[in-house]
Amino acid sequence: MIPRIKSVKPQENYKLLIQFDGGETVIYNVMEDIDAIDDFVPLKTERGLFENVQLDDSRTCIYWSDRIDLPSDTLLEYGERV
């Protein structure tokens, strides 16, 4: 079953605080993706883009643009549990 995201909130230093319907809460470090994936670089270089993170209608993906997104299962698996 694909985890559904309840809320996502941008934090300092390119981190996201993510709450899932199942009760899990994680901090996901997007800087690792920015360093590894060219399409993610605008999150660091375009003022205000990172803070404009959105949750898709299915609540199984977050995105910033049509080229920058992350699926909920990745966020849950690689996020630091809090």
N, C-alpha and C. Protein backbone atom coordinates (compact mmCIF):
# COMPACT_ATOMS: atom_id res chain seq x y z
N MET A 1 0.84 -1.19 0.00
CA MET A 1 0.00 0.00 0.00
C MET A 1 0.88 1.25 0.00
N ILE A 2 0.55 2.19 -0.83
CA ILE A 2 1.32 3.43 -0.93
C ILE A 2 0.95 4.34 0.24
N PRO A 3 1.96 4.82 0.99
CA PRO A 3 1.66 5.71 2.12
C PRO A 3 1.08 7.04 1.64
N ARG A 4 0.11 7.54 2.36
CA ARG A 4 -0.50 8.84 2.03
C ARG A 4 0.01 9.90 3.00
N ILE A 5 0.30 11.06 2.43
CA ILE A 5 0.85 12.16 3.20
C ILE A 5 -0.29 13.01 3.76
N LYS A 6 -0.20 13.29 5.04
CA LYS A 6 -1.20 14.14 5.71
C LYS A 6 -0.82 15.62 5.57
N SER A 7 0.47 15.92 5.76
CA SER A 7 0.93 17.30 5.63
C SER A 7 2.42 17.33 5.33
N VAL A 8 2.85 18.41 4.68
CA VAL A 8 4.27 18.65 4.41
C VAL A 8 4.55 20.12 4.68
N LYS A 9 5.63 20.36 5.44
CA LYS A 9 6.00 21.73 5.79
C LYS A 9 7.49 21.93 5.57
N PRO A 10 7.86 22.93 4.77
CA PRO A 10 9.28 23.21 4.56
C PRO A 10 9.93 23.71 5.86
N GLN A 11 11.17 23.29 6.07
CA GLN A 11 11.95 23.68 7.23
C GLN A 11 13.24 24.35 6.74
N GLU A 12 14.06 24.79 7.65
CA GLU A 12 15.35 25.40 7.30
C GLU A 12 16.28 24.34 6.71
N ASN A 13 17.27 24.80 5.96
CA ASN A 13 18.32 23.95 5.40
C ASN A 13 17.79 22.86 4.47
N TYR A 14 16.75 23.18 3.72
CA TYR A 14 16.20 22.29 2.70
C TYR A 14 15.71 20.95 3.26
N LYS A 15 15.08 21.04 4.40
CA LYS A 15 14.46 19.86 5.01
C LYS A 15 12.95 20.03 5.01
N LEU A 16 12.25 18.90 4.99
CA LEU A 16 10.79 18.89 5.02
C LEU A 16 10.31 18.10 6.23
N LEU A 17 9.31 18.63 6.90
CA LEU A 17 8.63 17.91 7.98
C LEU A 17 7.38 17.31 7.37
N ILE A 18 7.31 15.98 7.37
CA ILE A 18 6.21 15.29 6.69
C ILE A 18 5.48 14.39 7.66
N GLN A 19 4.15 14.53 7.69
CA GLN A 19 3.30 13.66 8.50
C GLN A 19 2.48 12.78 7.56
N PHE A 20 2.39 11.51 7.91
CA PHE A 20 1.67 10.54 7.11
C PHE A 20 0.39 10.13 7.81
N ASP A 21 -0.58 9.66 7.02
CA ASP A 21 -1.86 9.21 7.58
C ASP A 21 -1.68 8.10 8.61
N GLY A 22 -0.65 7.26 8.43
CA GLY A 22 -0.42 6.14 9.35
C GLY A 22 0.16 6.55 10.69
N GLY A 23 0.39 7.85 10.90
CA GLY A 23 0.90 8.34 12.17
C GLY A 23 2.40 8.62 12.18
N GLU A 24 3.11 8.20 11.15
CA GLU A 24 4.54 8.44 11.09
C GLU A 24 4.83 9.91 10.78
N THR A 25 5.92 10.41 11.36
CA THR A 25 6.41 11.76 11.06
C THR A 25 7.89 11.63 10.75
N VAL A 26 8.33 12.26 9.66
CA VAL A 26 9.74 12.20 9.27
C VAL A 26 10.24 13.59 8.90
N ILE A 27 11.55 13.74 9.00
CA ILE A 27 12.26 14.88 8.44
C ILE A 27 13.02 14.34 7.24
N TYR A 28 12.74 14.92 6.06
CA TYR A 28 13.41 14.48 4.84
C TYR A 28 14.36 15.58 4.38
N ASN A 29 15.62 15.22 4.14
CA ASN A 29 16.65 16.17 3.73
C ASN A 29 16.70 16.23 2.20
N VAL A 30 16.16 17.27 1.62
CA VAL A 30 16.11 17.43 0.17
C VAL A 30 17.48 17.82 -0.39
N MET A 31 18.38 18.33 0.44
CA MET A 31 19.70 18.75 -0.03
C MET A 31 20.44 17.59 -0.68
N GLU A 32 20.23 16.38 -0.21
CA GLU A 32 20.88 15.22 -0.83
C GLU A 32 20.41 15.05 -2.27
N ASP A 33 19.14 15.30 -2.53
CA ASP A 33 18.61 15.22 -3.89
C ASP A 33 19.10 16.40 -4.74
N ILE A 34 19.18 17.57 -4.14
CA ILE A 34 19.68 18.75 -4.85
C ILE A 34 21.11 18.51 -5.32
N ASP A 35 21.92 17.88 -4.47
CA ASP A 35 23.31 17.60 -4.81
C ASP A 35 23.45 16.49 -5.86
N ALA A 36 22.49 15.58 -5.93
CA ALA A 36 22.61 14.40 -6.79
C ALA A 36 21.83 14.48 -8.11
N ILE A 37 20.78 15.32 -8.16
CA ILE A 37 19.89 15.34 -9.32
C ILE A 37 19.83 16.76 -9.89
N ASP A 38 20.27 16.90 -11.12
CA ASP A 38 20.32 18.22 -11.75
C ASP A 38 18.98 18.95 -11.74
N ASP A 39 17.88 18.23 -11.97
CA ASP A 39 16.56 18.87 -12.00
C ASP A 39 16.17 19.51 -10.67
N PHE A 40 16.81 19.10 -9.57
CA PHE A 40 16.47 19.62 -8.25
C PHE A 40 17.24 20.89 -7.90
N VAL A 41 18.26 21.27 -8.67
CA VAL A 41 19.09 22.44 -8.37
C VAL A 41 18.27 23.73 -8.23
N PRO A 42 17.21 23.96 -9.04
CA PRO A 42 16.43 25.19 -8.87
C PRO A 42 15.84 25.36 -7.46
N LEU A 43 15.68 24.28 -6.71
CA LEU A 43 15.18 24.41 -5.33
C LEU A 43 16.13 25.25 -4.49
N LYS A 44 17.39 25.25 -4.86
CA LYS A 44 18.40 26.03 -4.14
C LYS A 44 18.65 27.39 -4.80
N THR A 45 18.51 27.45 -6.12
CA THR A 45 18.90 28.67 -6.83
C THR A 45 17.74 29.63 -7.10
N GLU A 46 16.51 29.14 -7.15
CA GLU A 46 15.36 30.01 -7.40
C GLU A 46 14.71 30.41 -6.08
N ARG A 47 14.78 31.67 -5.78
CA ARG A 47 14.27 32.20 -4.52
C ARG A 47 12.80 31.82 -4.30
N GLY A 48 12.53 31.23 -3.14
CA GLY A 48 11.16 30.92 -2.74
C GLY A 48 10.59 29.62 -3.29
N LEU A 49 11.28 28.97 -4.23
CA LEU A 49 10.73 27.75 -4.82
C LEU A 49 10.62 26.62 -3.79
N PHE A 50 11.65 26.40 -3.00
CA PHE A 50 11.62 25.30 -2.03
C PHE A 50 10.43 25.43 -1.08
N GLU A 51 10.16 26.64 -0.63
CA GLU A 51 9.07 26.87 0.33
C GLU A 51 7.69 26.67 -0.30
N ASN A 52 7.63 26.58 -1.62
CA ASN A 52 6.37 26.42 -2.33
C ASN A 52 6.04 24.96 -2.62
N VAL A 53 6.49 24.06 -1.77
CA VAL A 53 6.22 22.63 -1.95
C VAL A 53 4.71 22.38 -1.90
N GLN A 54 4.24 21.49 -2.77
CA GLN A 54 2.82 21.17 -2.88
C GLN A 54 2.60 19.67 -2.70
N LEU A 55 1.40 19.31 -2.31
CA LEU A 55 0.98 17.91 -2.17
C LEU A 55 -0.01 17.62 -3.29
N ASP A 56 0.22 16.53 -4.04
CA ASP A 56 -0.69 16.23 -5.15
C ASP A 56 -2.04 15.73 -4.62
N ASP A 57 -3.02 15.66 -5.50
CA ASP A 57 -4.38 15.30 -5.11
C ASP A 57 -4.49 13.90 -4.51
N SER A 58 -3.65 12.99 -4.94
CA SER A 58 -3.69 11.62 -4.40
C SER A 58 -3.02 11.52 -3.03
N ARG A 59 -2.28 12.56 -2.67
CA ARG A 59 -1.52 12.62 -1.41
C ARG A 59 -0.44 11.55 -1.34
N THR A 60 0.07 11.14 -2.51
CA THR A 60 1.15 10.14 -2.58
C THR A 60 2.42 10.73 -3.19
N CYS A 61 2.45 12.04 -3.39
CA CYS A 61 3.60 12.69 -4.01
C CYS A 61 3.62 14.16 -3.61
N ILE A 62 4.83 14.68 -3.39
CA ILE A 62 5.00 16.12 -3.23
C ILE A 62 5.72 16.64 -4.46
N TYR A 63 5.52 17.91 -4.78
CA TYR A 63 6.15 18.45 -5.97
C TYR A 63 6.36 19.95 -5.86
N TRP A 64 7.26 20.42 -6.69
CA TRP A 64 7.52 21.85 -6.82
C TRP A 64 7.25 22.32 -8.24
N SER A 65 7.45 21.43 -9.19
CA SER A 65 7.20 21.73 -10.61
C SER A 65 6.97 20.40 -11.32
N ASP A 66 6.74 20.46 -12.63
CA ASP A 66 6.51 19.22 -13.37
C ASP A 66 7.78 18.38 -13.50
N ARG A 67 8.94 18.95 -13.16
CA ARG A 67 10.21 18.21 -13.24
C ARG A 67 10.78 17.88 -11.86
N ILE A 68 10.20 18.42 -10.81
CA ILE A 68 10.74 18.22 -9.46
C ILE A 68 9.64 17.65 -8.57
N ASP A 69 9.76 16.36 -8.24
CA ASP A 69 8.79 15.73 -7.34
C ASP A 69 9.42 14.57 -6.59
N LEU A 70 8.76 14.16 -5.53
CA LEU A 70 9.22 13.01 -4.73
C LEU A 70 8.00 12.20 -4.30
N PRO A 71 8.06 10.87 -4.46
CA PRO A 71 6.95 10.02 -4.06
C PRO A 71 6.94 9.77 -2.55
N SER A 72 5.77 9.52 -2.03
CA SER A 72 5.60 9.34 -0.58
C SER A 72 6.38 8.15 -0.04
N ASP A 73 6.49 7.05 -0.80
CA ASP A 73 7.21 5.89 -0.28
C ASP A 73 8.70 6.19 -0.10
N THR A 74 9.27 7.00 -0.99
CA THR A 74 10.67 7.41 -0.85
C THR A 74 10.84 8.31 0.37
N LEU A 75 9.93 9.25 0.54
CA LEU A 75 10.00 10.15 1.69
C LEU A 75 9.93 9.38 3.00
N LEU A 76 9.05 8.41 3.08
CA LEU A 76 8.91 7.62 4.30
C LEU A 76 10.12 6.73 4.53
N GLU A 77 10.62 6.09 3.48
CA GLU A 77 11.74 5.18 3.61
C GLU A 77 13.03 5.88 3.99
N TYR A 78 13.30 7.04 3.37
CA TYR A 78 14.59 7.71 3.59
C TYR A 78 14.52 8.88 4.55
N GLY A 79 13.34 9.23 5.02
CA GLY A 79 13.22 10.30 6.00
C GLY A 79 13.66 9.84 7.37
N GLU A 80 14.11 10.79 8.17
CA GLU A 80 14.52 10.50 9.55
C GLU A 80 13.29 10.57 10.44
N ARG A 81 12.97 9.47 11.10
CA ARG A 81 11.78 9.43 11.96
C ARG A 81 11.95 10.34 13.16
N VAL A 82 10.85 11.05 13.48
CA VAL A 82 10.85 11.92 14.66
C VAL A 82 9.72 11.54 15.59
